[in-house]
Structures are given as C-alpha cells and as structure tokens.
Amino acid sequence: MTTIFYIRHAECNSQNHDDVSRELTPKGLTDSKLVTRFLADKNVDIIFSSPYKRAIETLRDFSKSSGLEINTLDDLRERTVNNSWIEDFDFAAFSKAQWADFDYKLSGGESLHEVQARNIAALGQIIKEHKDRTVAIGTHATALGTVINFYDKKFDFAHFEKVKGLMPCIVKFSFQDDICKTIRKYNLFELQR
C-alpha cells in the first residue's frame, strides 16, 4: 500500500501578489508546526512539494525534524489564474465558474482540467517511483481539490470551499498499485484539541 499525505499550505501573506514567492504569515509559520506534529509518527519516507514558497515553508519544520529533504516538482504547483494580478477580482465567482465548467479559464490561465491533468501525472510518477512507501506532498487548495475530484467525483465546489478555508489541512490517500482505495481529510485544528 502506498500512502500519500497531501498537505495544503498554512496561512500565507495575501498582500504578496506573486504566486511563486508568497510566504507564510507568522501565524502560518506557527501553524506549520501542527503539520510536523501530525506527520511525526507517520513514517514518511520522502517529501515532495509545489515549488511555491508557501507550500515549502509549510513543510520546512517537518523536513528539519525528520531529516528529509524537500523535493520540488513544478507540476505540483497551484493553478495559474491569469498572467498578471487582477485588482478587485471576484475570486469566489471565478472559482465557482471553474468548478461548474472544468474547461473554463481566463486568458493566460489554466482550466481545472489542466491543473488536474498535470497534478495527477505528477502523482502517478510519484506512486510509480515510491510504491509501498509513505509520501508527504506540499500543495495548494485548488490543486488538491482537483486531485480529490479525480478520485471522487462527488467532490465539488461546496467541498472545495470547506478545504479552502483550512490552512493547513491534510488529506491522506491510500493506493494499492495505482488504484485509490481510501481518502481521508484531517482538520489539524480539531486534532489539537
């Protein structure tokens, strides 16, 4: 059985409009320690992450405590909305439109089908190369949502909205070969009570 823990990043600085360099807030850095506590006894063999700073920073504390290097994969990155920052952008309406039509996208952006295809391809390669091991993957809300949707078509915009509000959160996938057997979501804030 191959176990994949997807870790959606902790709270990030929404004032930084550069998707690649957007860092965690002080709260996000503190909350990343919840990830370390959760993963500490999970026997993680290898760590992968989106190349975006907020995903890497969310796993940095765990990386240091476990002695595991963070391997970045470009195909694990978040969806590209557009090729530049849009002021007064109605993100909720845009997200809803994308979840209603997986081919919908803005000029210079990606559709959810495109995000899903590259994230599933990256996951497939990870499973192939690390069969029967435990893997942690640093990710983002939309990227993670499309992966869940690939294996569970009931995962829709309403479900995405719940995941989007949790920073950080963890979703565990169990695979027998390349067949997804189970998906389980963890709210780290509830677990610490």
N, C-alpha and C. Protein backbone atom coordinates (compact mmCIF):
# COMPACT_ATOMS: atom_id res chain seq x y z
N MET A 1 0.85 -1.18 0.00
CA MET A 1 0.00 0.00 0.00
C MET A 1 0.90 1.25 0.00
N THR A 2 0.61 2.17 -0.88
CA THR A 2 1.32 3.45 -0.93
C THR A 2 0.44 4.49 -0.24
N THR A 3 1.02 5.23 0.69
CA THR A 3 0.28 6.26 1.42
C THR A 3 0.80 7.63 1.01
N ILE A 4 -0.13 8.49 0.64
CA ILE A 4 0.20 9.86 0.24
C ILE A 4 -0.50 10.82 1.19
N PHE A 5 0.27 11.65 1.86
CA PHE A 5 -0.30 12.73 2.66
C PHE A 5 -0.12 14.04 1.90
N TYR A 6 -1.23 14.58 1.41
CA TYR A 6 -1.20 15.91 0.78
C TYR A 6 -1.37 16.95 1.89
N ILE A 7 -0.48 17.92 1.94
CA ILE A 7 -0.55 18.97 2.95
C ILE A 7 -0.83 20.29 2.27
N ARG A 8 -2.04 20.80 2.47
CA ARG A 8 -2.39 22.13 1.95
C ARG A 8 -1.68 23.15 2.84
N HIS A 9 -1.04 24.13 2.22
CA HIS A 9 -0.20 25.09 2.95
C HIS A 9 -0.95 25.84 4.05
N ALA A 10 -0.17 26.35 4.99
CA ALA A 10 -0.69 27.17 6.09
C ALA A 10 -1.00 28.58 5.58
N GLU A 11 -1.50 29.42 6.48
CA GLU A 11 -1.90 30.79 6.12
C GLU A 11 -0.73 31.55 5.48
N CYS A 12 -1.02 32.20 4.35
CA CYS A 12 0.03 32.92 3.64
C CYS A 12 -0.29 34.41 3.56
N ASN A 13 0.70 35.19 3.17
CA ASN A 13 0.59 36.64 3.09
C ASN A 13 -0.16 37.04 1.82
N SER A 14 -1.44 37.36 1.96
CA SER A 14 -2.26 37.71 0.79
C SER A 14 -1.89 39.06 0.19
N GLN A 15 -1.05 39.82 0.89
CA GLN A 15 -0.60 41.11 0.34
C GLN A 15 0.52 40.92 -0.69
N ASN A 16 1.16 39.77 -0.68
CA ASN A 16 2.18 39.45 -1.68
C ASN A 16 1.47 38.86 -2.88
N HIS A 17 1.45 39.57 -3.98
CA HIS A 17 0.70 39.16 -5.17
C HIS A 17 1.48 38.25 -6.10
N ASP A 18 2.71 37.90 -5.74
CA ASP A 18 3.50 36.99 -6.56
C ASP A 18 3.25 35.56 -6.09
N ASP A 19 2.64 34.77 -6.95
CA ASP A 19 2.24 33.42 -6.56
C ASP A 19 3.42 32.55 -6.14
N VAL A 20 4.55 32.71 -6.80
CA VAL A 20 5.71 31.87 -6.52
C VAL A 20 6.36 32.20 -5.18
N SER A 21 6.49 33.49 -4.87
CA SER A 21 7.22 33.90 -3.66
C SER A 21 6.33 34.20 -2.45
N ARG A 22 5.01 34.02 -2.58
CA ARG A 22 4.10 34.32 -1.47
C ARG A 22 4.46 33.45 -0.26
N GLU A 23 4.82 34.12 0.84
CA GLU A 23 5.31 33.44 2.03
C GLU A 23 4.21 33.24 3.06
N LEU A 24 4.51 32.44 4.07
CA LEU A 24 3.57 32.25 5.17
C LEU A 24 3.57 33.48 6.07
N THR A 25 2.45 33.70 6.73
CA THR A 25 2.36 34.74 7.76
C THR A 25 3.00 34.18 9.03
N PRO A 26 3.22 35.03 10.05
CA PRO A 26 3.70 34.49 11.33
C PRO A 26 2.77 33.39 11.87
N LYS A 27 1.45 33.57 11.73
CA LYS A 27 0.51 32.53 12.16
C LYS A 27 0.72 31.26 11.35
N GLY A 28 0.91 31.42 10.04
CA GLY A 28 1.15 30.27 9.18
C GLY A 28 2.40 29.50 9.57
N LEU A 29 3.47 30.24 9.92
CA LEU A 29 4.71 29.58 10.36
C LEU A 29 4.48 28.81 11.65
N THR A 30 3.72 29.41 12.58
CA THR A 30 3.40 28.71 13.83
C THR A 30 2.54 27.48 13.54
N ASP A 31 1.53 27.64 12.69
CA ASP A 31 0.63 26.52 12.37
C ASP A 31 1.33 25.40 11.61
N SER A 32 2.44 25.70 10.94
CA SER A 32 3.16 24.65 10.22
C SER A 32 3.69 23.59 11.19
N LYS A 33 3.85 23.98 12.46
CA LYS A 33 4.30 23.02 13.47
C LYS A 33 3.22 21.96 13.75
N LEU A 34 1.95 22.28 13.46
CA LEU A 34 0.88 21.28 13.55
C LEU A 34 1.11 20.16 12.54
N VAL A 35 1.62 20.54 11.38
CA VAL A 35 1.93 19.56 10.35
C VAL A 35 3.03 18.62 10.85
N THR A 36 4.06 19.22 11.45
CA THR A 36 5.18 18.42 11.98
C THR A 36 4.67 17.43 13.02
N ARG A 37 3.83 17.89 13.93
CA ARG A 37 3.29 17.00 14.98
C ARG A 37 2.46 15.88 14.37
N PHE A 38 1.64 16.22 13.37
CA PHE A 38 0.79 15.21 12.75
C PHE A 38 1.63 14.15 12.02
N LEU A 39 2.63 14.59 11.27
CA LEU A 39 3.43 13.67 10.46
C LEU A 39 4.51 12.92 11.23
N ALA A 40 4.79 13.36 12.46
CA ALA A 40 5.93 12.83 13.23
C ALA A 40 5.94 11.30 13.34
N ASP A 41 4.78 10.68 13.50
CA ASP A 41 4.73 9.23 13.69
C ASP A 41 4.17 8.49 12.47
N LYS A 42 4.16 9.15 11.33
CA LYS A 42 3.57 8.55 10.12
C LYS A 42 4.59 7.83 9.24
N ASN A 43 5.85 7.76 9.67
CA ASN A 43 6.89 7.05 8.93
C ASN A 43 7.02 7.52 7.48
N VAL A 44 7.03 8.84 7.30
CA VAL A 44 7.19 9.42 5.96
C VAL A 44 8.58 9.09 5.44
N ASP A 45 8.63 8.60 4.19
CA ASP A 45 9.89 8.23 3.56
C ASP A 45 10.49 9.34 2.70
N ILE A 46 9.63 10.17 2.12
CA ILE A 46 10.11 11.20 1.20
C ILE A 46 9.12 12.35 1.16
N ILE A 47 9.63 13.56 0.92
CA ILE A 47 8.79 14.76 0.84
C ILE A 47 8.91 15.36 -0.55
N PHE A 48 7.76 15.68 -1.14
CA PHE A 48 7.69 16.45 -2.38
C PHE A 48 6.88 17.71 -2.10
N SER A 49 7.05 18.72 -2.94
CA SER A 49 6.27 19.94 -2.77
C SER A 49 6.14 20.68 -4.09
N SER A 50 5.09 21.45 -4.15
CA SER A 50 4.98 22.50 -5.15
C SER A 50 6.22 23.39 -4.98
N PRO A 51 6.69 24.04 -6.04
CA PRO A 51 7.84 24.92 -5.89
C PRO A 51 7.50 26.27 -5.26
N TYR A 52 6.22 26.50 -4.94
CA TYR A 52 5.81 27.79 -4.38
C TYR A 52 6.19 27.88 -2.91
N LYS A 53 6.69 29.04 -2.52
CA LYS A 53 7.29 29.24 -1.20
C LYS A 53 6.36 28.84 -0.05
N ARG A 54 5.08 29.16 -0.12
CA ARG A 54 4.17 28.87 0.99
C ARG A 54 4.02 27.37 1.24
N ALA A 55 4.06 26.57 0.16
CA ALA A 55 3.98 25.12 0.31
C ALA A 55 5.27 24.57 0.93
N ILE A 56 6.40 25.07 0.46
CA ILE A 56 7.69 24.64 1.00
C ILE A 56 7.82 25.04 2.47
N GLU A 57 7.46 26.29 2.80
CA GLU A 57 7.57 26.75 4.19
C GLU A 57 6.68 25.94 5.13
N THR A 58 5.55 25.46 4.65
CA THR A 58 4.65 24.66 5.48
C THR A 58 5.30 23.33 5.87
N LEU A 59 6.17 22.82 5.02
CA LEU A 59 6.84 21.54 5.29
C LEU A 59 8.25 21.69 5.86
N ARG A 60 8.77 22.91 5.91
CA ARG A 60 10.16 23.11 6.32
C ARG A 60 10.45 22.59 7.74
N ASP A 61 9.57 22.88 8.70
CA ASP A 61 9.78 22.42 10.07
C ASP A 61 9.81 20.89 10.13
N PHE A 62 8.88 20.23 9.42
CA PHE A 62 8.87 18.77 9.38
C PHE A 62 10.12 18.24 8.69
N SER A 63 10.55 18.89 7.63
CA SER A 63 11.76 18.49 6.92
C SER A 63 12.97 18.50 7.86
N LYS A 64 13.09 19.58 8.63
CA LYS A 64 14.21 19.69 9.57
C LYS A 64 14.13 18.63 10.66
N SER A 65 12.95 18.43 11.22
CA SER A 65 12.82 17.47 12.34
C SER A 65 12.98 16.03 11.88
N SER A 66 12.62 15.73 10.64
CA SER A 66 12.70 14.35 10.13
C SER A 66 14.02 14.07 9.41
N GLY A 67 14.73 15.13 9.05
CA GLY A 67 15.98 14.96 8.29
C GLY A 67 15.73 14.63 6.83
N LEU A 68 14.50 14.81 6.36
CA LEU A 68 14.17 14.54 4.96
C LEU A 68 14.23 15.83 4.14
N GLU A 69 14.79 15.74 2.96
CA GLU A 69 14.88 16.87 2.04
C GLU A 69 13.52 17.11 1.38
N ILE A 70 13.23 18.37 1.06
CA ILE A 70 12.01 18.70 0.30
C ILE A 70 12.37 18.71 -1.18
N ASN A 71 11.75 17.82 -1.94
CA ASN A 71 11.96 17.74 -3.39
C ASN A 71 10.84 18.50 -4.08
N THR A 72 11.16 19.53 -4.85
CA THR A 72 10.11 20.29 -5.53
C THR A 72 9.85 19.73 -6.93
N LEU A 73 8.58 19.73 -7.28
CA LEU A 73 8.13 19.33 -8.61
C LEU A 73 7.24 20.43 -9.17
N ASP A 74 7.60 20.97 -10.30
CA ASP A 74 6.85 22.08 -10.89
C ASP A 74 5.39 21.71 -11.17
N ASP A 75 5.14 20.46 -11.55
CA ASP A 75 3.77 20.06 -11.88
C ASP A 75 2.84 19.99 -10.67
N LEU A 76 3.39 20.13 -9.46
CA LEU A 76 2.55 20.16 -8.25
C LEU A 76 2.10 21.58 -7.90
N ARG A 77 2.46 22.55 -8.73
CA ARG A 77 2.14 23.94 -8.43
C ARG A 77 0.63 24.20 -8.49
N GLU A 78 0.25 25.36 -7.94
CA GLU A 78 -1.15 25.78 -7.93
C GLU A 78 -1.58 26.22 -9.33
N ARG A 79 -2.86 26.32 -9.49
CA ARG A 79 -3.45 26.80 -10.74
C ARG A 79 -3.00 28.22 -11.05
N THR A 80 -2.71 28.49 -12.31
CA THR A 80 -2.44 29.84 -12.78
C THR A 80 -3.78 30.46 -13.15
N VAL A 81 -4.13 31.55 -12.48
CA VAL A 81 -5.41 32.22 -12.74
C VAL A 81 -5.32 33.05 -14.01
N ASN A 82 -4.23 33.79 -14.14
CA ASN A 82 -4.03 34.75 -15.22
C ASN A 82 -2.54 35.03 -15.26
N ASN A 83 -2.09 35.78 -16.24
CA ASN A 83 -0.66 36.06 -16.28
C ASN A 83 -0.26 37.33 -15.53
N SER A 84 -1.21 37.97 -14.84
CA SER A 84 -0.88 39.13 -14.01
C SER A 84 -1.93 39.28 -12.91
N TRP A 85 -1.61 40.06 -11.88
CA TRP A 85 -2.53 40.30 -10.75
C TRP A 85 -3.72 41.12 -11.23
N ILE A 86 -4.91 40.74 -10.81
CA ILE A 86 -6.13 41.46 -11.19
C ILE A 86 -6.69 42.14 -9.95
N GLU A 87 -6.74 43.47 -9.95
CA GLU A 87 -7.32 44.21 -8.83
C GLU A 87 -8.84 44.03 -8.83
N ASP A 88 -9.44 44.04 -7.64
CA ASP A 88 -10.89 43.92 -7.48
C ASP A 88 -11.45 42.66 -8.17
N PHE A 89 -10.69 41.58 -8.12
CA PHE A 89 -11.06 40.33 -8.75
C PHE A 89 -12.02 39.57 -7.85
N ASP A 90 -13.14 39.12 -8.40
CA ASP A 90 -14.11 38.33 -7.64
C ASP A 90 -13.68 36.87 -7.70
N PHE A 91 -12.77 36.49 -6.79
CA PHE A 91 -12.19 35.16 -6.82
C PHE A 91 -13.23 34.08 -6.57
N ALA A 92 -14.18 34.34 -5.67
CA ALA A 92 -15.21 33.34 -5.37
C ALA A 92 -16.03 33.02 -6.62
N ALA A 93 -16.42 34.05 -7.36
CA ALA A 93 -17.22 33.84 -8.58
C ALA A 93 -16.40 33.09 -9.63
N PHE A 94 -15.11 33.44 -9.74
CA PHE A 94 -14.23 32.76 -10.68
C PHE A 94 -14.09 31.29 -10.32
N SER A 95 -13.83 31.00 -9.05
CA SER A 95 -13.68 29.61 -8.61
C SER A 95 -14.96 28.81 -8.87
N LYS A 96 -16.09 29.42 -8.56
CA LYS A 96 -17.37 28.75 -8.77
C LYS A 96 -17.57 28.43 -10.25
N ALA A 97 -17.22 29.38 -11.12
CA ALA A 97 -17.34 29.17 -12.56
C ALA A 97 -16.42 28.04 -13.02
N GLN A 98 -15.21 27.97 -12.46
CA GLN A 98 -14.30 26.90 -12.84
C GLN A 98 -14.80 25.54 -12.37
N TRP A 99 -15.35 25.46 -11.16
CA TRP A 99 -15.85 24.18 -10.68
C TRP A 99 -17.11 23.75 -11.42
N ALA A 100 -17.84 24.71 -11.98
CA ALA A 100 -19.03 24.38 -12.78
C ALA A 100 -18.63 23.90 -14.18
N ASP A 101 -17.50 24.40 -14.67
CA ASP A 101 -17.01 24.05 -16.01
C ASP A 101 -15.51 23.88 -15.93
N PHE A 102 -15.04 22.63 -15.87
CA PHE A 102 -13.61 22.34 -15.69
C PHE A 102 -12.75 22.84 -16.85
N ASP A 103 -13.35 23.30 -17.94
CA ASP A 103 -12.59 23.85 -19.06
C ASP A 103 -12.53 25.38 -19.04
N TYR A 104 -13.24 26.01 -18.12
CA TYR A 104 -13.27 27.48 -18.03
C TYR A 104 -11.94 28.01 -17.53
N LYS A 105 -11.45 29.06 -18.19
CA LYS A 105 -10.22 29.72 -17.75
C LYS A 105 -10.14 31.12 -18.33
N LEU A 106 -9.31 31.93 -17.71
CA LEU A 106 -9.04 33.27 -18.20
C LEU A 106 -7.86 33.21 -19.17
N SER A 107 -7.71 34.24 -19.96
CA SER A 107 -6.59 34.33 -20.88
C SER A 107 -5.28 34.25 -20.08
N GLY A 108 -4.40 33.36 -20.49
CA GLY A 108 -3.14 33.20 -19.78
C GLY A 108 -3.23 32.32 -18.55
N GLY A 109 -4.42 31.81 -18.25
CA GLY A 109 -4.61 30.98 -17.06
C GLY A 109 -4.82 29.53 -17.42
N GLU A 110 -5.10 28.73 -16.39
CA GLU A 110 -5.31 27.30 -16.57
C GLU A 110 -6.73 26.92 -16.18
N SER A 111 -7.27 25.94 -16.88
CA SER A 111 -8.56 25.36 -16.51
C SER A 111 -8.31 24.32 -15.41
N LEU A 112 -9.37 23.92 -14.72
CA LEU A 112 -9.22 22.88 -13.71
C LEU A 112 -8.83 21.54 -14.34
N HIS A 113 -9.29 21.30 -15.59
CA HIS A 113 -8.85 20.08 -16.28
C HIS A 113 -7.33 20.07 -16.45
N GLU A 114 -6.76 21.20 -16.81
CA GLU A 114 -5.31 21.30 -17.00
C GLU A 114 -4.56 21.12 -15.68
N VAL A 115 -5.07 21.77 -14.63
CA VAL A 115 -4.45 21.64 -13.30
C VAL A 115 -4.52 20.18 -12.85
N GLN A 116 -5.69 19.58 -13.01
CA GLN A 116 -5.89 18.19 -12.61
C GLN A 116 -4.96 17.25 -13.39
N ALA A 117 -4.86 17.44 -14.69
CA ALA A 117 -4.04 16.55 -15.53
C ALA A 117 -2.58 16.58 -15.10
N ARG A 118 -2.03 17.76 -14.86
CA ARG A 118 -0.60 17.80 -14.50
C ARG A 118 -0.36 17.32 -13.08
N ASN A 119 -1.30 17.60 -12.15
CA ASN A 119 -1.14 17.10 -10.78
C ASN A 119 -1.30 15.58 -10.70
N ILE A 120 -2.23 15.03 -11.45
CA ILE A 120 -2.43 13.57 -11.46
C ILE A 120 -1.24 12.89 -12.13
N ALA A 121 -0.68 13.49 -13.18
CA ALA A 121 0.51 12.92 -13.83
C ALA A 121 1.68 12.90 -12.84
N ALA A 122 1.86 13.99 -12.10
CA ALA A 122 2.95 14.05 -11.10
C ALA A 122 2.72 13.01 -10.01
N LEU A 123 1.48 12.89 -9.53
CA LEU A 123 1.17 11.90 -8.51
C LEU A 123 1.42 10.49 -9.03
N GLY A 124 1.02 10.22 -10.26
CA GLY A 124 1.25 8.90 -10.85
C GLY A 124 2.73 8.54 -10.89
N GLN A 125 3.56 9.51 -11.23
CA GLN A 125 5.00 9.28 -11.28
C GLN A 125 5.56 9.02 -9.87
N ILE A 126 5.06 9.79 -8.90
CA ILE A 126 5.49 9.59 -7.50
C ILE A 126 5.11 8.19 -7.01
N ILE A 127 3.88 7.78 -7.29
CA ILE A 127 3.43 6.45 -6.87
C ILE A 127 4.27 5.36 -7.54
N LYS A 128 4.55 5.53 -8.83
CA LYS A 128 5.35 4.55 -9.57
C LYS A 128 6.75 4.43 -8.98
N GLU A 129 7.37 5.56 -8.66
CA GLU A 129 8.75 5.56 -8.17
C GLU A 129 8.88 5.26 -6.68
N HIS A 130 7.77 5.38 -5.92
CA HIS A 130 7.84 5.20 -4.46
C HIS A 130 6.74 4.26 -3.97
N LYS A 131 6.53 3.20 -4.74
CA LYS A 131 5.50 2.20 -4.43
C LYS A 131 5.71 1.63 -3.02
N ASP A 132 4.59 1.49 -2.30
CA ASP A 132 4.56 0.91 -0.96
C ASP A 132 5.35 1.73 0.07
N ARG A 133 5.48 3.02 -0.18
CA ARG A 133 6.16 3.91 0.75
C ARG A 133 5.16 4.97 1.21
N THR A 134 5.59 5.81 2.14
CA THR A 134 4.75 6.91 2.64
C THR A 134 5.36 8.22 2.18
N VAL A 135 4.54 9.03 1.52
CA VAL A 135 5.00 10.26 0.88
C VAL A 135 4.20 11.45 1.39
N ALA A 136 4.88 12.55 1.69
CA ALA A 136 4.22 13.82 2.03
C ALA A 136 4.38 14.75 0.83
N ILE A 137 3.29 15.44 0.46
CA ILE A 137 3.30 16.35 -0.68
C ILE A 137 2.74 17.70 -0.25
N GLY A 138 3.53 18.76 -0.38
CA GLY A 138 3.08 20.12 -0.11
C GLY A 138 2.29 20.64 -1.30
N THR A 139 1.10 21.16 -1.04
CA THR A 139 0.20 21.53 -2.13
C THR A 139 -0.62 22.77 -1.81
N HIS A 140 -1.63 23.00 -2.63
CA HIS A 140 -2.49 24.19 -2.59
C HIS A 140 -3.96 23.74 -2.69
N ALA A 141 -4.86 24.62 -2.33
CA ALA A 141 -6.29 24.25 -2.27
C ALA A 141 -6.84 23.76 -3.61
N THR A 142 -6.63 24.53 -4.67
CA THR A 142 -7.20 24.14 -5.96
C THR A 142 -6.54 22.90 -6.51
N ALA A 143 -5.22 22.84 -6.45
CA ALA A 143 -4.51 21.65 -6.93
C ALA A 143 -5.00 20.42 -6.19
N LEU A 144 -5.08 20.50 -4.87
CA LEU A 144 -5.55 19.38 -4.05
C LEU A 144 -7.00 19.04 -4.39
N GLY A 145 -7.84 20.05 -4.52
CA GLY A 145 -9.24 19.82 -4.85
C GLY A 145 -9.42 19.05 -6.15
N THR A 146 -8.59 19.36 -7.16
CA THR A 146 -8.71 18.64 -8.43
C THR A 146 -8.23 17.20 -8.31
N VAL A 147 -7.26 16.95 -7.43
CA VAL A 147 -6.80 15.57 -7.21
C VAL A 147 -7.91 14.77 -6.52
N ILE A 148 -8.51 15.35 -5.48
CA ILE A 148 -9.61 14.65 -4.80
C ILE A 148 -10.73 14.37 -5.79
N ASN A 149 -11.09 15.38 -6.60
CA ASN A 149 -12.16 15.23 -7.59
C ASN A 149 -11.87 14.12 -8.60
N PHE A 150 -10.62 13.94 -8.95
CA PHE A 150 -10.24 12.89 -9.90
C PHE A 150 -10.65 11.52 -9.38
N TYR A 151 -10.50 11.30 -8.08
CA TYR A 151 -10.81 10.01 -7.47
C TYR A 151 -12.21 9.94 -6.86
N ASP A 152 -12.80 11.09 -6.61
CA ASP A 152 -14.13 11.16 -6.00
C ASP A 152 -14.92 12.27 -6.69
N LYS A 153 -15.70 11.91 -7.69
CA LYS A 153 -16.43 12.90 -8.50
C LYS A 153 -17.47 13.68 -7.69
N LYS A 154 -17.80 13.22 -6.48
CA LYS A 154 -18.74 13.96 -5.63
C LYS A 154 -18.08 15.21 -5.03
N PHE A 155 -16.76 15.26 -5.07
CA PHE A 155 -16.05 16.41 -4.54
C PHE A 155 -16.25 17.57 -5.52
N ASP A 156 -17.05 18.56 -5.10
CA ASP A 156 -17.44 19.67 -5.96
C ASP A 156 -17.08 21.01 -5.32
N PHE A 157 -17.65 22.09 -5.82
CA PHE A 157 -17.34 23.42 -5.33
C PHE A 157 -17.63 23.57 -3.84
N ALA A 158 -18.74 23.03 -3.37
CA ALA A 158 -19.09 23.14 -1.94
C ALA A 158 -18.03 22.46 -1.08
N HIS A 159 -17.55 21.30 -1.50
CA HIS A 159 -16.49 20.61 -0.77
C HIS A 159 -15.18 21.40 -0.84
N PHE A 160 -14.90 21.95 -2.02
CA PHE A 160 -13.69 22.76 -2.21
C PHE A 160 -13.69 23.95 -1.26
N GLU A 161 -14.84 24.58 -1.09
CA GLU A 161 -14.94 25.74 -0.20
C GLU A 161 -14.55 25.38 1.24
N LYS A 162 -14.87 24.16 1.66
CA LYS A 162 -14.51 23.73 3.01
C LYS A 162 -13.00 23.52 3.14
N VAL A 163 -12.37 22.92 2.13
CA VAL A 163 -10.92 22.71 2.14
C VAL A 163 -10.20 24.05 2.05
N LYS A 164 -10.74 24.93 1.22
CA LYS A 164 -10.10 26.25 1.01
C LYS A 164 -9.97 27.02 2.31
N GLY A 165 -10.90 26.82 3.22
CA GLY A 165 -10.89 27.55 4.49
C GLY A 165 -9.93 26.96 5.53
N LEU A 166 -9.36 25.81 5.26
CA LEU A 166 -8.45 25.16 6.22
C LEU A 166 -7.00 25.34 5.80
N MET A 167 -6.26 26.07 6.60
CA MET A 167 -4.83 26.29 6.33
C MET A 167 -4.05 26.10 7.61
N PRO A 168 -3.28 25.05 7.75
CA PRO A 168 -3.10 23.93 6.82
C PRO A 168 -4.17 22.86 7.02
N CYS A 169 -4.24 21.96 6.07
CA CYS A 169 -5.05 20.75 6.25
C CYS A 169 -4.32 19.61 5.56
N ILE A 170 -4.69 18.41 5.91
CA ILE A 170 -4.03 17.22 5.36
C ILE A 170 -5.10 16.27 4.83
N VAL A 171 -4.82 15.72 3.66
CA VAL A 171 -5.69 14.69 3.08
C VAL A 171 -4.82 13.47 2.80
N LYS A 172 -5.24 12.33 3.35
CA LYS A 172 -4.50 11.07 3.20
C LYS A 172 -5.16 10.22 2.12
N PHE A 173 -4.35 9.79 1.15
CA PHE A 173 -4.78 8.88 0.10
C PHE A 173 -4.04 7.55 0.29
N SER A 174 -4.75 6.44 0.17
CA SER A 174 -4.13 5.13 0.20
C SER A 174 -4.31 4.49 -1.17
N PHE A 175 -3.20 3.99 -1.73
CA PHE A 175 -3.21 3.39 -3.07
C PHE A 175 -2.71 1.96 -3.02
N GLN A 176 -3.43 1.08 -3.71
CA GLN A 176 -2.95 -0.26 -3.99
C GLN A 176 -2.54 -0.21 -5.45
N ASP A 177 -1.24 -0.30 -5.71
CA ASP A 177 -0.68 -0.01 -7.03
C ASP A 177 -1.11 1.41 -7.39
N ASP A 178 -1.85 1.60 -8.49
CA ASP A 178 -2.28 2.97 -8.83
C ASP A 178 -3.79 3.17 -8.61
N ILE A 179 -4.39 2.27 -7.84
CA ILE A 179 -5.82 2.37 -7.53
C ILE A 179 -6.01 3.03 -6.17
N CYS A 180 -6.76 4.13 -6.15
CA CYS A 180 -7.04 4.83 -4.90
C CYS A 180 -8.08 4.04 -4.11
N LYS A 181 -7.69 3.60 -2.90
CA LYS A 181 -8.57 2.81 -2.06
C LYS A 181 -9.34 3.65 -1.05
N THR A 182 -8.67 4.65 -0.46
CA THR A 182 -9.34 5.50 0.54
C THR A 182 -8.82 6.92 0.46
N ILE A 183 -9.69 7.84 0.86
CA ILE A 183 -9.34 9.26 1.00
C ILE A 183 -9.88 9.71 2.35
N ARG A 184 -9.01 10.32 3.17
CA ARG A 184 -9.43 10.81 4.48
C ARG A 184 -8.88 12.21 4.71
N LYS A 185 -9.77 13.13 5.11
CA LYS A 185 -9.37 14.51 5.37
C LYS A 185 -9.16 14.74 6.87
N TYR A 186 -8.12 15.53 7.21
CA TYR A 186 -7.82 15.85 8.60
C TYR A 186 -7.84 17.36 8.80
N ASN A 187 -8.59 17.81 9.79
CA ASN A 187 -8.55 19.21 10.23
C ASN A 187 -7.59 19.28 11.40
N LEU A 188 -6.40 19.83 11.19
CA LEU A 188 -5.37 19.83 12.22
C LEU A 188 -5.77 20.63 13.45
N PHE A 189 -6.62 21.62 13.27
CA PHE A 189 -7.04 22.45 14.41
C PHE A 189 -7.97 21.66 15.34
N GLU A 190 -8.78 20.77 14.77
CA GLU A 190 -9.64 19.93 15.60
C GLU A 190 -8.82 18.86 16.32
N LEU A 191 -7.78 18.35 15.66
CA LEU A 191 -6.96 17.29 16.25
C LEU A 191 -6.16 17.76 17.45
N GLN A 192 -5.83 19.05 17.50
CA GLN A 192 -5.01 19.54 18.61
C GLN A 192 -5.79 19.78 19.88
N ARG A 193 -7.12 19.76 19.82
CA ARG A 193 -7.95 20.00 21.00
C ARG A 193 -7.85 18.87 22.00
